[in-house]
N, C-alpha and C. Protein backbone atom coordinates (compact mmCIF):
# COMPACT_ATOMS: atom_id res chain seq x y z
N MET A 1 79.10 127.39 77.98
CA MET A 1 80.13 127.65 78.95
C MET A 1 79.86 126.88 80.25
N LYS A 2 78.59 126.95 80.71
CA LYS A 2 78.24 126.24 81.92
C LYS A 2 78.42 124.74 81.74
N LEU A 3 78.09 124.26 80.54
CA LEU A 3 78.23 122.84 80.25
C LEU A 3 79.71 122.42 80.29
N ALA A 4 80.59 123.28 79.78
CA ALA A 4 82.03 122.98 79.78
C ALA A 4 82.57 122.92 81.21
N ILE A 5 82.14 123.85 82.05
CA ILE A 5 82.58 123.87 83.44
C ILE A 5 82.06 122.63 84.17
N PHE A 6 80.79 122.29 83.94
CA PHE A 6 80.21 121.11 84.56
C PHE A 6 80.95 119.84 84.12
N ALA A 7 81.27 119.75 82.84
CA ALA A 7 81.98 118.58 82.32
C ALA A 7 83.38 118.46 82.94
N THR A 8 84.04 119.60 83.10
CA THR A 8 85.37 119.60 83.70
C THR A 8 85.30 119.15 85.16
N LEU A 9 84.32 119.68 85.90
CA LEU A 9 84.15 119.27 87.29
C LEU A 9 83.82 117.79 87.41
N ALA A 10 82.96 117.29 86.56
CA ALA A 10 82.59 115.87 86.58
C ALA A 10 83.79 114.99 86.26
N ALA A 11 84.60 115.38 85.28
CA ALA A 11 85.79 114.61 84.93
C ALA A 11 86.81 114.61 86.05
N THR A 12 86.97 115.75 86.71
CA THR A 12 87.90 115.85 87.84
C THR A 12 87.44 114.97 88.99
N ALA A 13 86.15 115.01 89.30
CA ALA A 13 85.62 114.18 90.37
C ALA A 13 85.77 112.69 90.05
N ALA A 14 85.54 112.33 88.80
CA ALA A 14 85.67 110.93 88.40
C ALA A 14 87.13 110.47 88.49
N ALA A 15 88.06 111.36 88.23
CA ALA A 15 89.48 111.00 88.27
C ALA A 15 89.93 110.68 89.69
N PHE A 16 89.34 111.34 90.68
CA PHE A 16 89.75 111.14 92.07
C PHE A 16 88.80 110.23 92.86
N ALA A 17 87.78 109.75 92.21
CA ALA A 17 86.85 108.84 92.88
C ALA A 17 87.50 107.46 93.01
N PRO A 18 87.18 106.72 94.07
CA PRO A 18 87.77 105.38 94.20
C PRO A 18 87.33 104.48 93.05
N ALA A 19 88.27 103.72 92.55
CA ALA A 19 87.98 102.83 91.43
C ALA A 19 87.20 101.61 91.91
N ALA A 20 86.36 101.09 91.07
CA ALA A 20 85.62 99.87 91.39
C ALA A 20 86.60 98.71 91.39
N LYS A 21 86.43 97.77 92.29
CA LYS A 21 87.32 96.62 92.38
C LYS A 21 87.07 95.69 91.19
N PRO A 22 88.13 95.29 90.49
CA PRO A 22 87.93 94.41 89.34
C PRO A 22 87.43 93.03 89.77
N ALA A 23 86.82 92.34 88.85
CA ALA A 23 86.27 91.01 89.13
C ALA A 23 87.37 89.98 89.32
N PHE A 24 88.57 90.25 88.81
CA PHE A 24 89.69 89.33 88.95
C PHE A 24 90.72 89.95 89.91
N SER A 25 91.66 89.17 90.35
CA SER A 25 92.69 89.66 91.26
C SER A 25 94.02 89.01 90.91
N THR A 26 95.09 89.79 91.05
CA THR A 26 96.43 89.23 90.83
C THR A 26 97.05 88.79 92.15
N GLU A 27 96.33 88.97 93.25
CA GLU A 27 96.83 88.55 94.56
C GLU A 27 96.93 87.03 94.60
N LEU A 28 98.02 86.56 95.16
CA LEU A 28 98.22 85.12 95.26
C LEU A 28 97.25 84.53 96.26
N SER A 29 96.86 83.31 96.05
CA SER A 29 95.88 82.68 96.92
C SER A 29 96.54 81.77 97.94
N ALA A 30 97.69 82.17 98.44
CA ALA A 30 98.38 81.36 99.45
C ALA A 30 97.64 81.51 100.78
N GLY A 31 97.51 80.41 101.50
CA GLY A 31 96.80 80.42 102.77
C GLY A 31 97.62 81.07 103.87
N LYS A 32 96.97 81.67 104.82
CA LYS A 32 97.65 82.28 105.95
C LYS A 32 97.96 81.22 106.99
N PHE A 33 99.17 81.28 107.52
CA PHE A 33 99.61 80.33 108.52
C PHE A 33 99.22 80.82 109.91
N LYS A 34 98.87 79.91 110.78
CA LYS A 34 98.50 80.26 112.14
C LYS A 34 99.75 80.69 112.90
N SER A 35 99.61 81.72 113.74
CA SER A 35 100.72 82.20 114.55
C SER A 35 101.25 81.09 115.45
N LYS A 36 102.59 80.97 115.52
CA LYS A 36 103.20 79.90 116.31
C LYS A 36 104.44 80.46 117.03
N LEU A 37 104.29 80.75 118.33
CA LEU A 37 105.40 81.26 119.11
C LEU A 37 106.30 80.11 119.53
N GLN A 38 107.61 80.32 119.34
CA GLN A 38 108.56 79.25 119.63
C GLN A 38 109.93 79.88 119.92
N TYR A 39 110.69 79.27 120.83
CA TYR A 39 112.06 79.72 121.06
C TYR A 39 112.95 79.19 119.95
N VAL A 40 113.72 80.09 119.36
CA VAL A 40 114.59 79.77 118.23
C VAL A 40 116.00 80.26 118.55
N ASP A 41 117.01 79.46 118.18
CA ASP A 41 118.40 79.89 118.38
C ASP A 41 118.64 81.19 117.62
N CYS A 42 119.32 82.14 118.29
CA CYS A 42 119.65 83.41 117.67
C CYS A 42 121.16 83.57 117.50
N ILE A 43 121.89 83.43 118.59
CA ILE A 43 123.35 83.45 118.55
C ILE A 43 123.87 82.38 119.52
N SER A 44 125.10 81.97 119.34
CA SER A 44 125.68 81.02 120.28
C SER A 44 126.12 81.77 121.54
N THR A 45 126.21 81.06 122.65
CA THR A 45 126.64 81.71 123.89
C THR A 45 128.06 82.24 123.78
N ALA A 46 128.87 81.65 122.90
CA ALA A 46 130.23 82.14 122.68
C ALA A 46 130.22 83.53 122.05
N ASP A 47 129.16 83.86 121.31
CA ASP A 47 129.05 85.16 120.64
C ASP A 47 128.32 86.20 121.49
N LEU A 48 127.95 85.83 122.71
CA LEU A 48 127.24 86.75 123.60
C LEU A 48 128.14 87.95 123.89
N PRO A 49 127.63 89.17 123.72
CA PRO A 49 128.48 90.35 123.95
C PRO A 49 128.79 90.53 125.43
N SER A 50 129.82 91.27 125.69
CA SER A 50 130.20 91.57 127.08
C SER A 50 129.17 92.52 127.69
N PRO A 51 129.07 92.55 129.01
CA PRO A 51 128.11 93.46 129.65
C PRO A 51 128.33 94.91 129.21
N GLY A 52 127.20 95.57 128.91
CA GLY A 52 127.25 96.96 128.45
C GLY A 52 127.35 97.10 126.95
N SER A 53 127.15 95.99 126.21
CA SER A 53 127.22 96.08 124.75
C SER A 53 126.15 95.20 124.11
N ALA A 54 126.10 95.24 122.78
CA ALA A 54 125.06 94.51 122.04
C ALA A 54 125.64 93.90 120.78
N THR A 55 124.92 92.94 120.23
CA THR A 55 125.29 92.32 118.95
C THR A 55 124.00 91.98 118.21
N SER A 56 124.15 91.56 116.97
CA SER A 56 122.97 91.23 116.17
C SER A 56 122.92 89.74 115.86
N GLY A 57 121.72 89.27 115.59
CA GLY A 57 121.50 87.89 115.21
C GLY A 57 120.20 87.79 114.43
N VAL A 58 119.89 86.58 114.00
CA VAL A 58 118.65 86.34 113.27
C VAL A 58 117.91 85.19 113.93
N ALA A 59 116.62 85.38 114.18
CA ALA A 59 115.79 84.33 114.77
C ALA A 59 114.46 84.30 114.02
N GLY A 60 114.16 83.19 113.39
CA GLY A 60 112.91 83.07 112.67
C GLY A 60 112.77 84.04 111.53
N GLY A 61 113.88 84.44 110.92
CA GLY A 61 113.84 85.39 109.81
C GLY A 61 113.79 86.84 110.25
N LEU A 62 113.84 87.11 111.54
CA LEU A 62 113.79 88.48 112.06
C LEU A 62 115.17 88.92 112.51
N ALA A 63 115.52 90.18 112.22
CA ALA A 63 116.76 90.76 112.72
C ALA A 63 116.58 91.09 114.19
N ILE A 64 117.44 90.55 115.03
CA ILE A 64 117.32 90.69 116.48
C ILE A 64 118.58 91.34 117.05
N CYS A 65 118.39 92.26 117.97
CA CYS A 65 119.49 92.87 118.73
C CYS A 65 119.54 92.16 120.09
N ILE A 66 120.67 91.54 120.39
CA ILE A 66 120.87 90.93 121.70
C ILE A 66 121.73 91.89 122.51
N ALA A 67 121.16 92.44 123.58
CA ALA A 67 121.86 93.42 124.42
C ALA A 67 122.07 92.84 125.81
N VAL A 68 123.23 93.14 126.38
CA VAL A 68 123.55 92.72 127.74
C VAL A 68 123.80 93.98 128.56
N ASP A 69 122.99 94.19 129.60
CA ASP A 69 123.18 95.40 130.41
C ASP A 69 124.42 95.24 131.30
N PRO A 70 124.87 96.32 131.93
CA PRO A 70 126.09 96.24 132.74
C PRO A 70 126.00 95.23 133.89
N LYS A 71 124.80 94.86 134.32
CA LYS A 71 124.63 93.87 135.40
C LYS A 71 124.67 92.44 134.87
N GLY A 72 124.65 92.26 133.52
CA GLY A 72 124.72 90.93 132.93
C GLY A 72 123.40 90.36 132.47
N SER A 73 122.29 91.09 132.61
CA SER A 73 120.98 90.62 132.13
C SER A 73 120.93 90.70 130.61
N ILE A 74 120.30 89.71 129.99
CA ILE A 74 120.23 89.61 128.53
C ILE A 74 118.85 90.03 128.05
N TYR A 75 118.82 90.85 126.99
CA TYR A 75 117.57 91.34 126.41
C TYR A 75 117.59 91.12 124.90
N ALA A 76 116.40 90.92 124.32
CA ALA A 76 116.27 90.78 122.87
C ALA A 76 115.28 91.83 122.38
N LEU A 77 115.71 92.61 121.39
CA LEU A 77 114.88 93.66 120.80
C LEU A 77 114.97 93.56 119.29
N GLY A 78 114.04 94.19 118.59
CA GLY A 78 114.14 94.28 117.14
C GLY A 78 115.37 95.08 116.77
N ASP A 79 116.09 94.68 115.76
CA ASP A 79 117.36 95.34 115.40
C ASP A 79 117.18 96.48 114.42
N LYS A 80 115.97 96.86 114.11
CA LYS A 80 115.71 97.99 113.21
C LYS A 80 115.28 99.18 114.03
N CYS A 81 116.13 100.17 114.09
CA CYS A 81 115.92 101.33 114.94
C CYS A 81 115.15 102.43 114.21
N PRO A 82 113.95 102.81 114.70
CA PRO A 82 113.19 103.85 114.02
C PRO A 82 113.87 105.21 114.21
N PRO A 83 113.70 106.14 113.33
CA PRO A 83 112.80 106.12 112.19
C PRO A 83 113.45 105.68 110.87
N VAL A 84 114.77 105.47 110.84
CA VAL A 84 115.42 105.16 109.56
C VAL A 84 116.01 103.75 109.47
N ASN A 85 115.71 102.89 110.44
CA ASN A 85 116.05 101.47 110.41
C ASN A 85 117.54 101.13 110.44
N GLN A 86 118.35 101.96 111.05
CA GLN A 86 119.75 101.56 111.24
C GLN A 86 119.80 100.49 112.33
N PRO A 87 120.85 99.67 112.38
CA PRO A 87 120.91 98.59 113.36
C PRO A 87 121.02 99.11 114.80
N LEU A 88 120.10 98.69 115.64
CA LEU A 88 120.13 99.05 117.05
C LEU A 88 121.30 98.37 117.75
N SER A 89 121.75 97.25 117.21
CA SER A 89 122.85 96.50 117.83
C SER A 89 124.17 97.29 117.80
N PHE A 90 124.26 98.36 117.02
CA PHE A 90 125.44 99.22 117.03
C PHE A 90 125.37 100.24 118.18
N GLY A 91 124.24 100.27 118.89
CA GLY A 91 124.02 101.26 119.93
C GLY A 91 124.78 100.97 121.22
N LYS A 92 124.71 101.96 122.10
CA LYS A 92 125.38 101.87 123.40
C LYS A 92 124.36 101.44 124.45
N VAL A 93 124.70 100.39 125.23
CA VAL A 93 123.85 99.93 126.33
C VAL A 93 124.24 100.73 127.56
N ASN A 94 123.25 101.43 128.14
CA ASN A 94 123.50 102.34 129.26
C ASN A 94 123.18 101.70 130.62
N ASP A 95 123.68 102.33 131.67
CA ASP A 95 123.43 101.86 133.04
C ASP A 95 121.97 102.03 133.47
N ASP A 96 121.22 102.91 132.78
CA ASP A 96 119.84 103.19 133.17
C ASP A 96 118.82 102.24 132.55
N GLY A 97 119.27 101.11 131.98
CA GLY A 97 118.35 100.13 131.40
C GLY A 97 117.87 100.50 130.02
N THR A 98 118.66 101.28 129.29
CA THR A 98 118.30 101.68 127.93
C THR A 98 119.43 101.33 126.97
N ILE A 99 119.07 101.32 125.68
CA ILE A 99 120.06 101.22 124.61
C ILE A 99 119.86 102.45 123.74
N GLU A 100 120.96 103.08 123.35
CA GLU A 100 120.90 104.34 122.63
C GLU A 100 121.17 104.16 121.15
N ASP A 101 120.29 104.72 120.34
CA ASP A 101 120.45 104.72 118.88
C ASP A 101 121.79 105.38 118.55
N PRO A 102 122.66 104.70 117.79
CA PRO A 102 123.99 105.23 117.53
C PRO A 102 124.02 106.46 116.63
N VAL A 103 122.97 106.68 115.86
CA VAL A 103 122.98 107.80 114.91
C VAL A 103 122.15 108.98 115.40
N LEU A 104 120.92 108.73 115.82
CA LEU A 104 120.00 109.81 116.15
C LEU A 104 119.89 110.08 117.65
N GLY A 105 120.42 109.19 118.49
CA GLY A 105 120.48 109.45 119.92
C GLY A 105 119.26 109.06 120.73
N THR A 106 118.23 108.49 120.13
CA THR A 106 117.04 108.08 120.88
C THR A 106 117.40 106.92 121.79
N LYS A 107 116.88 106.94 123.03
CA LYS A 107 117.09 105.83 123.96
C LYS A 107 115.82 104.99 124.01
N PHE A 108 116.01 103.65 124.00
CA PHE A 108 114.91 102.70 124.07
C PHE A 108 115.08 101.84 125.31
N SER A 109 113.98 101.56 126.01
CA SER A 109 114.01 100.71 127.18
C SER A 109 114.36 99.28 126.77
N LEU A 110 115.28 98.66 127.49
CA LEU A 110 115.64 97.28 127.20
C LEU A 110 114.49 96.33 127.54
N LYS A 111 113.67 96.69 128.52
CA LYS A 111 112.58 95.82 128.96
C LYS A 111 111.33 95.94 128.10
N THR A 112 110.97 97.17 127.68
CA THR A 112 109.72 97.38 126.96
C THR A 112 109.89 97.79 125.51
N GLY A 113 111.05 98.30 125.14
CA GLY A 113 111.28 98.79 123.79
C GLY A 113 110.75 100.19 123.54
N GLU A 114 110.10 100.78 124.54
CA GLU A 114 109.53 102.12 124.39
C GLU A 114 110.62 103.19 124.41
N VAL A 115 110.31 104.34 123.81
CA VAL A 115 111.22 105.48 123.81
C VAL A 115 111.32 106.02 125.24
N VAL A 116 112.56 106.26 125.69
CA VAL A 116 112.81 106.84 127.01
C VAL A 116 113.48 108.19 126.79
N GLY A 117 112.86 109.24 127.25
CA GLY A 117 113.43 110.58 127.07
C GLY A 117 113.05 111.17 125.73
N ALA A 118 113.93 112.00 125.21
CA ALA A 118 113.65 112.75 123.97
C ALA A 118 113.74 111.85 122.74
N TRP A 119 112.90 112.14 121.77
CA TRP A 119 112.87 111.43 120.49
C TRP A 119 113.86 112.10 119.55
N CYS A 120 114.83 111.37 119.05
CA CYS A 120 115.83 111.85 118.09
C CYS A 120 116.49 113.16 118.54
N PRO A 121 117.15 113.15 119.71
CA PRO A 121 117.68 114.41 120.24
C PRO A 121 119.00 114.89 119.63
N GLY A 122 119.73 114.01 118.96
CA GLY A 122 121.07 114.39 118.54
C GLY A 122 121.24 114.68 117.07
N GLY A 123 122.05 115.69 116.76
CA GLY A 123 122.47 116.00 115.40
C GLY A 123 121.35 116.07 114.39
N ILE A 124 121.47 115.27 113.35
CA ILE A 124 120.48 115.25 112.28
C ILE A 124 119.14 114.68 112.77
N GLY A 125 119.16 114.05 113.94
CA GLY A 125 117.94 113.50 114.53
C GLY A 125 116.88 114.55 114.78
N LYS A 126 117.30 115.76 115.11
CA LYS A 126 116.34 116.84 115.35
C LYS A 126 115.55 117.14 114.08
N LEU A 127 116.21 117.06 112.94
CA LEU A 127 115.54 117.30 111.67
C LEU A 127 114.67 116.11 111.29
N LEU A 128 115.23 114.90 111.32
CA LEU A 128 114.49 113.70 110.95
C LEU A 128 113.38 113.36 111.93
N GLY A 129 113.65 113.54 113.22
CA GLY A 129 112.67 113.20 114.25
C GLY A 129 111.38 113.96 114.12
N GLY A 130 111.44 115.18 113.62
CA GLY A 130 110.24 115.98 113.43
C GLY A 130 109.34 115.47 112.33
N LEU A 131 109.87 114.62 111.46
CA LEU A 131 109.09 114.09 110.34
C LEU A 131 108.32 112.82 110.72
N PHE A 132 108.67 112.20 111.85
CA PHE A 132 108.09 110.92 112.23
C PHE A 132 107.56 110.98 113.66
N GLU A 133 106.50 110.22 113.91
CA GLU A 133 105.98 110.07 115.27
C GLU A 133 106.93 109.16 116.06
N PRO A 134 107.15 109.44 117.33
CA PRO A 134 107.99 108.55 118.14
C PRO A 134 107.42 107.13 118.17
N SER A 135 108.28 106.15 117.99
CA SER A 135 107.86 104.75 118.05
C SER A 135 108.98 103.92 118.65
N GLY A 136 108.59 102.89 119.36
CA GLY A 136 109.55 102.01 120.01
C GLY A 136 109.97 100.87 119.11
N VAL A 137 110.68 99.92 119.70
CA VAL A 137 111.11 98.72 118.99
C VAL A 137 110.48 97.51 119.67
N PRO A 138 110.24 96.43 118.94
CA PRO A 138 109.67 95.24 119.57
C PRO A 138 110.66 94.58 120.52
N THR A 139 110.14 93.97 121.56
CA THR A 139 110.97 93.19 122.48
C THR A 139 110.51 91.74 122.43
N TYR A 140 111.42 90.83 122.75
CA TYR A 140 111.13 89.41 122.68
C TYR A 140 111.63 88.72 123.94
N PRO A 141 110.90 87.71 124.42
CA PRO A 141 111.42 86.90 125.53
C PRO A 141 112.71 86.19 125.08
N VAL A 142 113.65 86.09 125.99
CA VAL A 142 114.94 85.50 125.66
C VAL A 142 115.35 84.53 126.77
N LYS A 143 116.06 83.47 126.38
CA LYS A 143 116.58 82.52 127.37
C LYS A 143 117.88 81.92 126.83
N GLN A 144 118.64 81.35 127.75
CA GLN A 144 119.89 80.70 127.39
C GLN A 144 119.68 79.20 127.52
N ALA A 145 119.89 78.44 126.42
CA ALA A 145 119.69 76.99 126.44
C ALA A 145 120.51 76.33 125.34
N LYS A 146 121.01 75.15 125.63
CA LYS A 146 121.72 74.32 124.64
C LYS A 146 122.88 75.06 123.96
N GLY A 147 123.62 75.85 124.71
CA GLY A 147 124.77 76.56 124.16
C GLY A 147 124.40 77.71 123.24
N ALA A 148 123.16 78.17 123.32
CA ALA A 148 122.71 79.25 122.46
C ALA A 148 121.83 80.23 123.23
N ILE A 149 121.75 81.43 122.72
CA ILE A 149 120.79 82.41 123.21
C ILE A 149 119.56 82.24 122.32
N GLN A 150 118.42 81.90 122.92
CA GLN A 150 117.20 81.65 122.17
C GLN A 150 116.21 82.79 122.39
N VAL A 151 115.51 83.14 121.32
CA VAL A 151 114.54 84.22 121.35
C VAL A 151 113.18 83.66 120.93
N GLN A 152 112.13 84.04 121.66
CA GLN A 152 110.79 83.57 121.33
C GLN A 152 110.19 84.48 120.25
N VAL A 153 109.95 83.90 119.09
CA VAL A 153 109.37 84.65 117.96
C VAL A 153 108.24 83.83 117.34
N ASP A 154 107.45 84.50 116.53
CA ASP A 154 106.42 83.81 115.75
C ASP A 154 107.13 83.22 114.53
N VAL A 155 107.33 81.92 114.53
CA VAL A 155 108.08 81.28 113.44
C VAL A 155 107.31 81.30 112.12
N ASN A 156 106.03 81.62 112.15
CA ASN A 156 105.25 81.72 110.92
C ASN A 156 105.10 83.15 110.41
N ALA A 157 105.70 84.12 111.11
CA ALA A 157 105.56 85.52 110.69
C ALA A 157 106.14 85.74 109.29
N LYS A 158 107.29 85.18 109.02
CA LYS A 158 107.92 85.34 107.70
C LYS A 158 107.06 84.67 106.62
N PHE A 159 106.53 83.48 106.92
CA PHE A 159 105.66 82.80 105.96
C PHE A 159 104.41 83.61 105.66
N ASN A 160 103.82 84.20 106.71
CA ASN A 160 102.62 85.01 106.51
C ASN A 160 102.92 86.25 105.68
N PHE A 161 104.07 86.87 105.91
CA PHE A 161 104.45 88.03 105.11
C PHE A 161 104.67 87.65 103.66
N GLU A 162 105.41 86.57 103.44
CA GLU A 162 105.72 86.14 102.08
C GLU A 162 104.53 85.51 101.37
N ALA A 163 103.51 85.07 102.11
CA ALA A 163 102.34 84.46 101.48
C ALA A 163 101.64 85.44 100.55
N LYS A 164 101.83 86.72 100.78
CA LYS A 164 101.23 87.74 99.92
C LYS A 164 101.95 87.83 98.57
N TYR A 165 103.19 87.31 98.51
CA TYR A 165 104.01 87.52 97.34
C TYR A 165 104.44 86.25 96.61
N TRP A 166 104.58 85.14 97.32
CA TRP A 166 105.13 83.94 96.72
C TRP A 166 104.16 82.77 96.85
N SER A 167 104.08 81.98 95.79
CA SER A 167 103.25 80.78 95.89
C SER A 167 104.07 79.51 95.75
N GLY A 168 105.33 79.61 95.39
CA GLY A 168 106.16 78.42 95.29
C GLY A 168 107.38 78.64 94.44
N VAL A 169 108.08 77.57 94.14
CA VAL A 169 109.32 77.62 93.40
C VAL A 169 109.11 78.17 92.00
N LEU A 170 108.01 77.85 91.38
CA LEU A 170 107.76 78.27 90.00
C LEU A 170 107.12 79.65 89.90
N ASP A 171 107.12 80.41 90.98
CA ASP A 171 106.40 81.67 91.02
C ASP A 171 106.83 82.65 89.95
N ALA A 172 108.10 82.66 89.54
CA ALA A 172 108.57 83.63 88.55
C ALA A 172 107.97 83.37 87.17
N GLN A 173 107.61 82.14 86.85
CA GLN A 173 107.09 81.82 85.53
C GLN A 173 105.66 81.30 85.57
N GLY A 174 105.24 80.85 86.68
CA GLY A 174 103.90 80.31 86.82
C GLY A 174 103.71 79.82 88.23
N LYS A 175 102.50 79.55 88.59
CA LYS A 175 102.23 79.09 89.96
C LYS A 175 102.72 77.66 90.16
N SER A 176 103.01 77.34 91.41
CA SER A 176 103.50 76.00 91.73
C SER A 176 102.45 74.92 91.47
N ASP A 177 101.18 75.34 91.35
CA ASP A 177 100.13 74.36 91.06
C ASP A 177 99.95 74.14 89.55
N GLY A 178 100.86 74.73 88.75
CA GLY A 178 100.81 74.52 87.30
C GLY A 178 100.01 75.56 86.53
N LYS A 179 99.33 76.43 87.24
CA LYS A 179 98.54 77.48 86.58
C LYS A 179 99.39 78.72 86.37
N TYR A 180 98.91 79.60 85.53
CA TYR A 180 99.60 80.86 85.28
C TYR A 180 98.74 82.01 85.78
N TYR A 181 99.36 83.15 85.94
CA TYR A 181 98.64 84.33 86.41
C TYR A 181 97.74 84.91 85.35
């Protein structure tokens, strides 16, 4: 009986113990690209929203919210609004230097991206907000040049993210270097 209990305990412990790392790996061996900050066109100046509103664009593969405060200052923030990633560009730009999440009601600073006031104060936000820690959105330097609104982003961020998953055009059937997985 004692032997059966000991065997059961040993098997249970072995099941939850960390597995030894295999000698081989299926991870792609793509090299990591060095970070490279650069101003990239996001939207044309013709598409710039009126003061007190926002629109969306893409810069360097990132979804960007371009917001214009009531005074006419232009801001660039990440367009994924926590905690459920709805577009921040659908939000309302307020006189107090914030943009408000259109669904859950959280306000984010246009300058810093940090949460201002209550986290998820409205409607279903009270339920969802309790499940997640408050978090802000990224902000990016922005400028107007060459008929476009440009946002400074790491142009290699997308490559670094995809380097974990893709090695080239032939990735679905074999590596671009002619080898197989």
